[in-house]
Protein backbone atom coordinates (compact mmCIF):
# COMPACT_ATOMS: atom_id res chain seq x y z
CA UNK A 1 -9.94 95.99 -14.79
CA UNK A 2 -9.75 99.36 -12.73
CA UNK A 3 -11.10 102.24 -13.56
CA UNK A 4 -8.98 105.62 -13.99
CA UNK A 5 -9.60 106.41 -10.44
CA UNK A 6 -9.62 102.74 -8.93
CA UNK A 7 -7.56 100.05 -7.59
CA UNK A 8 -8.43 96.65 -8.38
CA UNK A 9 -7.46 92.75 -7.54
CA UNK A 10 -7.80 91.31 -11.09
CA UNK A 11 -6.85 87.96 -9.77
CA UNK A 12 -5.83 86.06 -6.81
CA UNK A 13 -4.14 82.73 -6.84
CA UNK A 14 -2.11 80.01 -4.65
CA UNK A 15 0.97 78.85 -6.08
CA UNK A 16 3.90 76.73 -5.14
CA UNK A 17 6.88 78.50 -3.32
CA UNK A 18 8.08 80.80 -6.39
CA UNK A 19 5.70 79.23 -8.67
CA UNK A 20 4.38 81.08 -11.59
CA UNK A 21 0.79 78.86 -11.92
CA UNK A 22 -2.08 78.71 -10.08
CA UNK A 23 -1.84 75.33 -7.72
CA UNK A 24 -4.68 72.65 -7.56
CA UNK A 25 -2.66 70.82 -4.55
CA UNK A 26 -0.01 72.26 -2.44
CA UNK A 27 2.35 69.68 -0.31
CA UNK A 28 2.14 69.46 3.29
CA UNK A 29 4.93 71.03 5.23
CA UNK A 30 5.96 72.80 2.01
CA UNK A 31 6.16 76.75 1.94
CA UNK A 32 3.77 78.45 -0.67
CA UNK A 33 2.86 81.89 -2.13
CA UNK A 34 -0.28 83.76 -2.69
CA UNK A 35 -0.08 86.09 -5.54
CA UNK A 36 -2.57 89.07 -6.33
CA UNK A 37 -2.33 90.80 -9.71
CA UNK A 38 -3.33 94.30 -9.23
CA UNK A 39 -4.00 97.27 -11.05
CA UNK A 40 -4.08 100.69 -10.28
CA UNK A 41 -5.86 103.50 -12.59
CA UNK A 42 -3.75 106.20 -14.20
CA UNK A 43 -5.25 108.96 -12.26
CA UNK A 44 -5.40 107.21 -9.07
CA UNK A 45 -1.51 106.05 -9.58
CA UNK A 46 -1.04 109.64 -10.48
CA UNK A 47 -1.12 110.43 -6.64
CA UNK A 48 -0.33 106.85 -5.06
CA UNK A 49 2.02 106.66 -2.09
CA UNK A 50 1.09 103.08 -0.41
CA UNK A 51 -0.47 100.25 -0.56
CA UNK A 52 -1.53 97.35 1.54
CA UNK A 53 -2.30 93.86 0.79
CA UNK A 54 -3.97 91.56 3.48
CA UNK A 55 -4.22 87.84 2.50
CA UNK A 56 -5.71 85.21 4.38
CA UNK A 57 -5.40 81.47 3.69
CA UNK A 58 -8.11 79.56 5.20
CA UNK A 59 -8.29 75.77 5.49
CA UNK A 60 -11.93 75.40 4.79
CA UNK A 61 -11.79 71.83 6.37
CA UNK A 62 -10.56 72.93 9.64
CA UNK A 63 -11.16 76.38 10.08
CA UNK A 64 -7.41 77.27 10.56
CA UNK A 65 -6.74 80.71 9.38
CA UNK A 66 -3.26 82.31 8.39
CA UNK A 67 -2.75 85.99 7.40
CA UNK A 68 0.09 87.88 5.85
CA UNK A 69 0.20 91.82 5.45
CA UNK A 70 2.20 93.39 2.46
CA UNK A 71 2.96 97.08 2.81
CA UNK A 72 4.59 99.14 0.02
CA UNK A 73 5.54 102.65 -0.43
CA UNK A 74 4.61 103.55 -4.30
CA UNK A 75 6.16 105.86 -6.31
CA UNK A 76 3.27 108.00 -7.99
CA UNK A 77 3.04 107.84 -11.67
CA UNK A 78 0.76 109.24 -14.06
CA UNK A 79 0.10 105.88 -16.00
CA UNK A 80 -1.57 102.42 -15.36
CA UNK A 81 0.10 100.46 -12.72
CA UNK A 82 -0.05 96.55 -13.16
CA UNK A 83 1.78 94.11 -11.25
CA UNK A 84 1.89 91.05 -9.20
CA UNK A 85 2.34 91.18 -5.46
CA UNK A 86 3.81 87.89 -4.20
CA UNK A 87 3.23 87.01 -0.43
CA UNK A 88 5.28 84.30 1.04
CA UNK A 89 3.61 82.00 3.73
CA UNK A 90 5.32 79.46 5.88
CA UNK A 91 5.21 75.59 5.44
CA UNK A 92 1.63 74.33 5.20
CA UNK A 93 0.05 72.75 8.12
CA UNK A 94 -2.71 70.73 7.02
CA UNK A 95 -4.10 67.12 6.57
CA UNK A 96 -4.15 65.22 3.30
CA UNK A 97 -7.23 66.14 1.53
CA UNK A 98 -7.78 69.54 3.34
CA UNK A 99 -9.37 72.08 1.04
CA UNK A 100 -7.75 75.77 0.91
CA UNK A 101 -8.73 79.21 0.02
CA UNK A 102 -6.99 82.50 -0.27
CA UNK A 103 -9.02 85.72 0.09
CA UNK A 104 -7.50 89.40 0.27
CA UNK A 105 -8.36 93.02 0.67
CA UNK A 106 -6.40 95.70 -1.39
CA UNK A 107 -5.82 99.23 -0.48
CA UNK A 108 -4.33 101.79 -2.26
CA UNK A 109 -3.58 105.31 -0.39
CA UNK A 110 -3.41 108.27 -2.61
CA UNK A 111 -3.00 111.54 -0.50
CA UNK A 112 -6.34 111.92 1.47
CA UNK A 113 -8.05 109.62 -0.76
CA UNK A 114 -8.20 105.60 -0.74
CA UNK A 115 -9.70 102.87 -2.73
CA UNK A 116 -10.06 99.11 -1.84
CA UNK A 117 -10.75 96.23 -3.74
CA UNK A 118 -10.70 92.34 -2.66
CA UNK A 119 -10.04 89.03 -4.33
CA UNK A 120 -10.61 85.03 -3.84
CA UNK A 121 -8.85 82.36 -5.26
CA UNK A 122 -9.96 78.96 -6.60
CA UNK A 123 -9.48 76.37 -3.81
CA UNK A 124 -6.55 73.93 -3.70
CA UNK A 125 -6.15 70.56 -2.10
CA UNK A 126 -3.65 69.67 0.68
CA UNK A 127 -1.51 66.55 -0.41
CA UNK A 128 1.71 64.61 1.45
């Protein structure tokens, strides 16, 4: 949970394309998503103008890394902002049984101030 002047990634998870729940397994050659559930404290959100989410999915078995960047323009509001940010990934290139993990960095810009957070998902396994 974010403090009043903080931004945080409360949860990061890998899911099937358009899915709503954490995926324990991902289909090889199928697109998938990574979802970051973010929170921006009320004071920071009162001046927030943009955010940037950088998501990296690493195949822990082969070392292959895929990165996507999501930039948004924010409208400042003096309330807590809680929302999921969904990042689309292309079809999974992996071998059966490969272990995958998502990590992210999250930056909120509010005037001359910035705040950072990060997140890490539970692993998922590639399957045919």
